[in-house]
Protein backbone atom coordinates (compact mmCIF):
# COMPACT_ATOMS: atom_id res chain seq x y z
CA UNK A 1 39.29 42.44 37.08
CA UNK A 2 40.04 38.69 37.08
CA UNK A 3 43.65 39.39 36.07
CA UNK A 4 44.12 41.91 38.90
CA UNK A 5 42.72 39.56 41.57
CA UNK A 6 44.82 36.65 40.35
CA UNK A 7 48.01 38.76 40.24
CA UNK A 8 47.30 40.07 43.74
CA UNK A 9 46.89 36.49 45.00
CA UNK A 10 50.30 35.52 43.61
CA UNK A 11 51.98 38.45 45.35
CA UNK A 12 50.22 38.18 48.69
CA UNK A 13 49.81 34.42 49.08
CA UNK A 14 52.95 33.45 47.14
CA UNK A 15 51.07 30.71 45.18
CA UNK A 16 50.91 29.67 41.52
CA UNK A 17 47.74 30.59 39.61
CA UNK A 18 46.43 29.62 36.17
CA UNK A 19 43.46 31.22 34.43
CA UNK A 20 42.03 32.28 31.05
CA UNK A 21 41.32 35.87 30.16
CA UNK A 22 39.67 37.63 27.21
CA UNK A 23 41.46 40.82 26.12
CA UNK A 24 38.53 42.87 24.83
CA UNK A 25 40.37 45.45 22.67
CA UNK A 26 41.71 42.69 20.40
CA UNK A 27 39.10 40.00 21.26
CA UNK A 28 41.88 37.52 21.93
CA UNK A 29 41.94 34.81 24.57
CA UNK A 30 45.06 34.13 26.65
CA UNK A 31 46.03 31.35 29.00
CA UNK A 32 47.93 33.01 31.87
CA UNK A 33 50.32 31.24 34.25
CA UNK A 34 51.66 33.33 37.16
CA UNK A 35 54.48 32.27 39.54
CA UNK A 36 55.74 34.03 42.66
CA UNK A 37 59.43 35.13 42.51
CA UNK A 38 61.86 36.82 44.86
CA UNK A 39 61.33 40.07 42.99
CA UNK A 40 57.55 39.76 42.68
CA UNK A 41 55.91 37.51 40.09
CA UNK A 42 56.65 35.92 36.69
CA UNK A 43 53.72 35.90 34.28
CA UNK A 44 53.51 33.86 31.03
CA UNK A 45 50.91 34.55 28.33
CA UNK A 46 49.79 31.97 25.71
CA UNK A 47 47.45 32.92 22.84
CA UNK A 48 44.62 30.35 22.93
CA UNK A 49 42.14 32.30 20.79
CA UNK A 50 41.84 29.61 18.08
CA UNK A 51 41.38 26.80 20.61
CA UNK A 52 38.90 28.87 22.60
CA UNK A 53 36.87 29.70 19.51
CA UNK A 54 36.69 26.03 18.58
CA UNK A 55 35.55 25.18 22.09
CA UNK A 56 32.89 27.87 21.95
CA UNK A 57 31.70 26.69 18.56
CA UNK A 58 31.61 23.12 19.83
CA UNK A 59 29.67 24.19 22.89
CA UNK A 60 27.15 26.03 20.72
CA UNK A 61 26.87 23.04 18.40
CA UNK A 62 26.29 20.68 21.31
CA UNK A 63 23.66 23.01 22.70
CA UNK A 64 21.94 23.05 19.31
CA UNK A 65 22.14 19.27 19.08
CA UNK A 66 20.67 19.03 22.55
CA UNK A 67 17.76 21.25 21.53
CA UNK A 68 17.26 19.20 18.37
CA UNK A 69 17.30 16.00 20.37
CA UNK A 70 14.65 17.31 22.74
CA UNK A 71 12.49 18.54 19.87
CA UNK A 72 12.75 15.44 17.66
CA UNK A 73 13.50 12.64 20.15
CA UNK A 74 16.55 11.77 18.03
CA UNK A 75 19.59 10.33 19.79
CA UNK A 76 22.55 12.66 19.38
CA UNK A 77 25.99 11.04 19.57
CA UNK A 78 29.64 12.09 19.50
CA UNK A 79 32.17 9.49 18.36
CA UNK A 80 35.75 10.09 19.54
CA UNK A 81 37.85 8.00 17.17
CA UNK A 82 41.09 8.13 19.17
CA UNK A 83 39.44 6.98 22.37
CA UNK A 84 37.02 4.66 20.52
CA UNK A 85 34.19 5.91 22.67
CA UNK A 86 30.72 7.20 21.76
CA UNK A 87 28.81 9.68 23.93
CA UNK A 88 25.01 9.59 23.62
CA UNK A 89 22.26 11.99 24.59
CA UNK A 90 19.84 10.72 27.22
CA UNK A 91 17.31 9.88 24.46
CA UNK A 92 19.22 6.63 24.02
CA UNK A 93 17.24 5.11 26.89
CA UNK A 94 13.95 5.75 25.10
CA UNK A 95 15.21 4.53 21.75
CA UNK A 96 16.49 1.22 23.08
CA UNK A 97 14.18 0.80 26.05
CA UNK A 98 17.07 0.75 28.56
CA UNK A 99 16.50 0.93 32.31
CA UNK A 100 19.48 3.17 33.05
CA UNK A 101 21.18 5.96 31.17
CA UNK A 102 24.89 5.61 30.58
CA UNK A 103 26.25 8.61 28.65
CA UNK A 104 29.34 6.93 27.21
CA UNK A 105 30.04 3.51 25.75
CA UNK A 106 32.81 1.71 23.95
CA UNK A 107 32.27 1.66 20.16
CA UNK A 108 31.85 -2.13 20.24
CA UNK A 109 28.81 -1.74 22.48
CA UNK A 110 26.82 -0.17 19.64
CA UNK A 111 28.18 -2.61 17.04
CA UNK A 112 27.00 -5.50 19.21
CA UNK A 113 23.45 -4.16 19.05
CA UNK A 114 23.27 -4.02 15.23
CA UNK A 115 21.35 -6.87 13.60
CA UNK A 116 23.64 -9.58 12.19
CA UNK A 117 22.08 -9.26 8.73
CA UNK A 118 22.78 -5.49 8.69
CA UNK A 119 26.21 -5.33 10.33
CA UNK A 120 28.30 -5.96 7.22
CA UNK A 121 26.33 -3.34 5.27
CA UNK A 122 26.76 -0.77 8.06
CA UNK A 123 30.49 -1.34 8.45
CA UNK A 124 31.11 -1.16 4.70
CA UNK A 125 29.13 2.07 4.40
CA UNK A 126 31.04 3.55 7.32
CA UNK A 127 34.43 2.51 5.87
CA UNK A 128 33.45 3.82 2.43
CA UNK A 129 32.68 7.27 3.89
CA UNK A 130 36.04 7.36 5.68
CA UNK A 131 38.04 6.13 2.68
CA UNK A 132 36.60 8.75 0.33
CA UNK A 133 36.73 11.50 2.97
CA UNK A 134 32.97 12.08 2.79
CA UNK A 135 31.58 14.71 5.09
CA UNK A 136 28.25 12.93 5.60
CA UNK A 137 27.23 9.37 6.32
CA UNK A 138 23.73 7.87 6.38
CA UNK A 139 22.46 4.33 6.84
CA UNK A 140 19.23 2.50 7.69
CA UNK A 141 19.54 -0.63 9.84
CA UNK A 142 18.12 -2.57 12.78
CA UNK A 143 19.29 -2.41 16.40
CA UNK A 144 18.48 -4.59 19.39
CA UNK A 145 16.36 -3.05 22.14
CA UNK A 146 16.31 -3.79 25.85
CA UNK A 147 13.71 -6.57 25.43
CA UNK A 148 15.81 -8.29 22.75
CA UNK A 149 13.55 -7.12 19.94
CA UNK A 150 14.83 -5.24 16.89
CA UNK A 151 13.72 -1.88 15.55
CA UNK A 152 14.64 0.12 12.47
CA UNK A 153 16.70 3.30 12.87
CA UNK A 154 18.22 5.82 10.49
CA UNK A 155 21.76 6.84 11.46
CA UNK A 156 23.24 9.99 9.90
CA UNK A 157 26.51 11.58 10.87
CA UNK A 158 28.99 14.32 10.03
CA UNK A 159 32.60 13.13 9.72
CA UNK A 160 35.57 15.29 10.75
CA UNK A 161 39.15 14.88 9.55
CA UNK A 162 42.31 16.55 10.86
CA UNK A 163 44.79 18.57 8.83
CA UNK A 164 46.49 15.35 7.72
CA UNK A 165 43.22 13.84 6.49
CA UNK A 166 42.86 11.41 9.38
CA UNK A 167 39.37 10.61 10.60
CA UNK A 168 39.13 11.90 14.16
CA UNK A 169 35.51 12.47 15.04
CA UNK A 170 31.88 12.04 14.01
CA UNK A 171 28.81 13.85 15.28
CA UNK A 172 25.50 12.30 14.39
CA UNK A 173 21.86 11.64 15.11
CA UNK A 174 19.92 8.36 15.25
CA UNK A 175 16.23 8.53 14.34
CA UNK A 176 13.65 5.91 15.31
CA UNK A 177 11.95 4.97 12.02
CA UNK A 178 10.58 1.60 13.14
CA UNK A 179 6.90 2.49 12.90
CA UNK A 180 7.31 4.29 9.59
CA UNK A 181 9.33 1.37 8.21
CA UNK A 182 6.76 -1.21 9.24
CA UNK A 183 3.90 0.89 7.81
CA UNK A 184 5.87 1.29 4.59
CA UNK A 185 6.54 -2.46 4.42
CA UNK A 186 2.86 -3.20 5.05
CA UNK A 187 1.83 -0.76 2.32
CA UNK A 188 4.26 -2.41 -0.09
CA UNK A 189 2.89 -5.84 0.85
CA UNK A 190 -0.70 -4.71 0.28
CA UNK A 191 0.26 -3.06 -2.99
CA UNK A 192 1.94 -6.28 -4.08
CA UNK A 193 -1.19 -8.28 -3.20
CA UNK A 194 -3.46 -5.82 -5.04
CA UNK A 195 -1.16 -6.00 -8.07
CA UNK A 196 -1.17 -9.81 -8.18
CA UNK A 197 -4.84 -10.63 -7.39
CA UNK A 198 -7.07 -11.83 -10.24
CA UNK A 199 -9.86 -9.39 -9.44
CA UNK A 200 -9.89 -6.17 -11.42
CA UNK A 201 -9.21 -3.20 -9.10
CA UNK A 202 -9.65 0.47 -9.89
CA UNK A 203 -9.02 3.61 -7.81
CA UNK A 204 -10.88 6.84 -8.57
CA UNK A 205 -10.46 10.34 -7.15
CA UNK A 206 -13.24 12.48 -5.66
CA UNK A 207 -14.12 13.64 -9.20
CA UNK A 208 -14.68 10.00 -10.28
CA UNK A 209 -11.63 10.03 -12.58
CA UNK A 210 -9.43 6.93 -12.75
CA UNK A 211 -6.10 7.31 -10.91
CA UNK A 212 -4.90 3.66 -10.86
CA UNK A 213 -5.78 0.16 -12.07
CA UNK A 214 -4.06 -3.13 -11.31
CA UNK A 215 -2.53 -5.66 -13.70
CA UNK A 216 -5.65 -7.86 -13.62
CA UNK A 217 -7.70 -4.92 -14.95
CA UNK A 218 -5.21 -4.42 -17.78
CA UNK A 219 -5.24 -8.14 -18.65
CA UNK A 220 -9.02 -8.47 -18.54
CA UNK A 221 -10.05 -5.27 -20.36
CA UNK A 222 -7.12 -4.78 -22.69
CA UNK A 223 -6.67 -1.18 -21.49
CA UNK A 224 -3.35 -0.06 -19.95
CA UNK A 225 -3.15 2.33 -17.02
CA UNK A 226 -1.86 5.06 -19.33
CA UNK A 227 -4.91 4.66 -21.58
CA UNK A 228 -7.47 5.07 -18.78
CA UNK A 229 -5.60 7.46 -16.45
CA UNK A 230 -7.65 10.59 -15.78
CA UNK A 231 -10.73 9.29 -17.59
CA UNK A 232 -14.18 8.46 -16.27
CA UNK A 233 -14.91 4.70 -16.10
CA UNK A 234 -18.00 5.05 -18.32
CA UNK A 235 -15.85 6.64 -21.04
CA UNK A 236 -13.89 3.43 -21.59
CA UNK A 237 -16.10 0.63 -20.24
CA UNK A 238 -19.68 1.43 -21.31
CA UNK A 239 -21.20 0.15 -24.58
CA UNK A 240 -24.46 -0.40 -26.50
CA UNK A 241 -26.10 -2.69 -23.93
CA UNK A 242 -24.87 -0.86 -20.81
CA UNK A 243 -27.80 0.28 -18.68
CA UNK A 244 -27.22 4.04 -18.40
CA UNK A 245 -29.67 4.26 -15.49
CA UNK A 246 -27.29 2.04 -13.48
CA UNK A 247 -24.36 4.28 -14.45
CA UNK A 248 -26.26 7.30 -13.18
CA UNK A 249 -27.24 5.44 -9.99
CA UNK A 250 -23.57 4.59 -9.33
CA UNK A 251 -22.49 8.24 -9.65
CA UNK A 252 -25.31 9.29 -7.33
CA UNK A 253 -24.52 6.56 -4.77
CA UNK A 254 -20.90 7.75 -4.50
CA UNK A 255 -22.09 10.96 -2.91
CA UNK A 256 -23.26 8.92 0.11
CA UNK A 257 -19.62 7.95 0.89
CA UNK A 258 -20.79 4.45 1.81
CA UNK A 259 -20.06 0.93 0.57
CA UNK A 260 -22.37 -0.30 -2.20
CA UNK A 261 -22.52 -2.82 -5.03
CA UNK A 262 -23.92 -2.84 -8.57
CA UNK A 263 -24.07 -5.27 -11.50
CA UNK A 264 -23.64 -3.81 -14.96
CA UNK A 265 -22.65 -4.70 -18.54
CA UNK A 266 -19.21 -3.41 -19.52
CA UNK A 267 -17.09 -3.77 -22.65
CA UNK A 268 -13.43 -4.67 -23.18
CA UNK A 269 -11.16 -2.74 -25.51
CA UNK A 270 -11.89 -5.21 -28.34
CA UNK A 271 -15.65 -4.73 -27.89
CA UNK A 272 -16.32 -7.96 -26.01
CA UNK A 273 -19.32 -7.63 -23.73
CA UNK A 274 -19.14 -8.93 -20.16
CA UNK A 275 -21.16 -8.75 -16.97
CA UNK A 276 -19.41 -7.38 -13.91
CA UNK A 277 -20.30 -7.01 -10.22
CA UNK A 278 -18.61 -3.91 -8.83
CA UNK A 279 -18.03 -3.35 -5.11
CA UNK A 280 -17.45 0.30 -4.20
CA UNK A 281 -15.52 1.27 -1.03
CA UNK A 282 -14.87 4.94 -0.13
CA UNK A 283 -11.36 6.18 0.63
CA UNK A 284 -10.57 8.86 3.22
CA UNK A 285 -7.56 11.06 3.98
CA UNK A 286 -5.95 11.05 7.47
CA UNK A 287 -8.02 14.12 8.37
CA UNK A 288 -11.25 12.27 7.51
CA UNK A 289 -11.96 14.07 4.26
CA UNK A 290 -13.10 11.94 1.28
CA UNK A 291 -10.33 10.90 -1.11
CA UNK A 292 -12.21 8.91 -3.73
CA UNK A 293 -13.23 5.27 -4.17
CA UNK A 294 -11.58 1.90 -4.64
CA UNK A 295 -13.64 -0.50 -6.74
CA UNK A 296 -13.29 -4.27 -7.07
CA UNK A 297 -14.68 -5.71 -10.31
CA UNK A 298 -15.75 -9.38 -10.43
CA UNK A 299 -16.52 -10.85 -13.85
CA UNK A 300 -19.91 -12.59 -13.46
CA UNK A 301 -20.53 -13.26 -17.18
CA UNK A 302 -20.56 -17.04 -16.68
CA UNK A 303 -23.02 -16.74 -13.80
CA UNK A 304 -25.29 -14.46 -15.83
CA UNK A 305 -25.19 -16.81 -18.84
CA UNK A 306 -26.12 -19.75 -16.64
CA UNK A 307 -28.97 -17.72 -15.21
CA UNK A 308 -30.22 -16.83 -18.69
CA UNK A 309 -30.01 -20.48 -19.74
CA UNK A 310 -32.07 -21.52 -16.74
CA UNK A 311 -34.68 -18.91 -17.67
CA UNK A 312 -34.81 -20.24 -21.25
CA UNK A 313 -35.12 -23.82 -20.01
CA UNK A 314 -37.97 -22.83 -17.72
CA UNK A 315 -39.76 -21.18 -20.64
CA UNK A 316 -39.35 -24.33 -22.74
CA UNK A 317 -40.61 -26.51 -19.91
CA UNK A 318 -43.63 -24.25 -19.60
CA UNK A 319 -44.27 -24.60 -23.36
CA UNK A 320 -43.86 -28.38 -23.18
CA UNK A 321 -46.20 -28.55 -20.23
CA UNK A 322 -48.76 -26.44 -22.11
CA UNK A 323 -48.38 -28.60 -25.23
CA UNK A 324 -48.73 -31.75 -23.16
CA UNK A 325 -51.89 -30.53 -21.50
CA UNK A 326 -53.51 -28.88 -24.56
CA UNK A 327 -52.01 -29.85 -27.94
CA UNK A 328 -51.60 -33.56 -27.14
CA UNK A 329 -55.06 -33.79 -25.66
CA UNK A 330 -56.78 -32.75 -28.94
CA UNK A 331 -55.52 -35.63 -31.23
CA UNK A 332 -55.76 -38.14 -28.40
CA UNK A 333 -59.40 -37.16 -27.82
CA UNK A 334 -60.04 -37.48 -31.57
CA UNK A 335 -58.45 -40.95 -31.64
CA UNK A 336 -60.54 -42.13 -28.73
CA UNK A 337 -63.69 -40.77 -30.37
CA UNK A 338 -62.90 -42.48 -33.68
CA UNK A 339 -62.27 -45.81 -31.98
CA UNK A 340 -65.65 -45.58 -30.29
CA UNK A 341 -67.22 -44.64 -33.63
CA UNK A 342 -65.60 -47.61 -35.38
CA UNK A 343 -67.04 -49.94 -32.81
CA UNK A 344 -70.51 -48.63 -33.60
CA UNK A 345 -70.35 -48.26 -37.39
CA UNK A 346 -70.81 -50.70 -40.25
CA UNK A 347 -68.01 -52.10 -42.34
CA UNK A 348 -68.45 -49.61 -45.22
CA UNK A 349 -68.03 -46.64 -42.83
CA UNK A 350 -64.91 -47.97 -41.11
CA UNK A 351 -62.59 -47.07 -44.01
CA UNK A 352 -63.42 -43.40 -43.58
CA UNK A 353 -62.90 -43.67 -39.79
CA UNK A 354 -59.51 -45.36 -40.30
CA UNK A 355 -58.44 -42.49 -42.59
CA UNK A 356 -59.37 -39.96 -39.93
CA UNK A 357 -57.54 -42.08 -37.32
CA UNK A 358 -54.37 -41.96 -39.42
CA UNK A 359 -54.64 -38.15 -39.65
CA UNK A 360 -54.98 -37.78 -35.85
CA UNK A 361 -52.09 -40.17 -35.28
CA UNK A 362 -49.89 -38.11 -37.63
CA UNK A 363 -50.80 -34.93 -35.71
CA UNK A 364 -49.83 -36.64 -32.43
CA UNK A 365 -46.53 -37.77 -33.93
CA UNK A 366 -45.76 -34.22 -35.15
CA UNK A 367 -46.39 -32.80 -31.66
CA UNK A 368 -44.07 -35.36 -30.03
CA UNK A 369 -41.36 -34.67 -32.62
CA UNK A 370 -41.67 -30.94 -32.00
CA UNK A 371 -41.23 -31.45 -28.24
CA UNK A 372 -38.13 -33.59 -28.84
CA UNK A 373 -36.77 -30.97 -31.24
CA UNK A 374 -37.12 -28.21 -28.62
CA UNK A 375 -35.34 -30.32 -25.99
CA UNK A 376 -32.48 -31.24 -28.36
CA UNK A 377 -31.95 -27.62 -29.41
CA UNK A 378 -31.77 -26.47 -25.76
CA UNK A 379 -29.19 -29.15 -25.01
CA UNK A 380 -27.00 -27.92 -27.89
CA UNK A 381 -27.32 -24.32 -26.65
CA UNK A 382 -29.42 -22.87 -29.47
CA UNK A 383 -32.29 -20.57 -28.59
CA UNK A 384 -35.21 -22.10 -30.57
CA UNK A 385 -38.73 -20.84 -30.13
CA UNK A 386 -41.52 -23.45 -30.06
CA UNK A 387 -43.05 -24.08 -33.48
CA UNK A 388 -46.69 -23.32 -34.08
CA UNK A 389 -48.84 -26.42 -34.15
CA UNK A 390 -52.01 -24.79 -35.43
């Protein structure tokens, strides 16, 4: 129908016409040029099927890219190597925070937006892909936004080469990964901190099994991550003096999904006993479901030993105070009584009184020596019970 109307126009209006027509029986496309002549019209047919099919495929690809861009917010671009121009989808304004959308830019416009520290890496990666005729190219780098800030993007493209192997075109997509990159960097920073801190840190799953420990835990306990992975903490850390009622209380407290703290005796791999204060913090998945616990272990052995020493010292002071008020009073009272007796007795009875006075004085001296002995032993760290004075 289009061919008939165009041919009629040439004959009646005596004008040149040019149009494209699909010949359905053979599914071939032709470019038709028709010229008026003295005898009627001259018509020239050119087979453009291959070119037309490429155009249709390109149109379909661009439509798909446009749909992908709308669905993912990626920036779709088309780099024409010969013209050194890049055409961008309108998502470019959102990616870079631009006020106005300009669909096409010179290739240097994009290069000028790449961070100076990343530019060399990007150019080398791009040149490497061209040199080795790679079909795909991908690179992570930073680009400058409209407010002169930088954000991370991931650029991936498909390279096209002509029949002579010359690079002629690249279709690609630029994804905004800034938030993901910063979250990933923050997670790596936190992981690095957790790895390097001196506090022992353990992570357990919802079944209370160990899933991770830091280096400080390995150094302090002598257990490696591989040795404790998948085990219950009490399997590897409990020992003869561990209070099992506290262990049971810890397991029960975890069901509350709240923060809590307990002090307990644990044991290293070599059997060394130590006191530890454990702070329990629940972990949750993004959907709010429980994901286990992270525990921070602080070695409080020194604090506990000092506390026990203070208790022992208080007991000794109590014993000394009791001895001062009771044991010392008995020989002193005897001495005073003997002195009064000597003042009232005759000479022949004084010898017996003096002998008794010597005995009481010796008792007093023994008590004083015993008190000094207790004090000296406490200073040297030995746990000495007070001697019986009866």
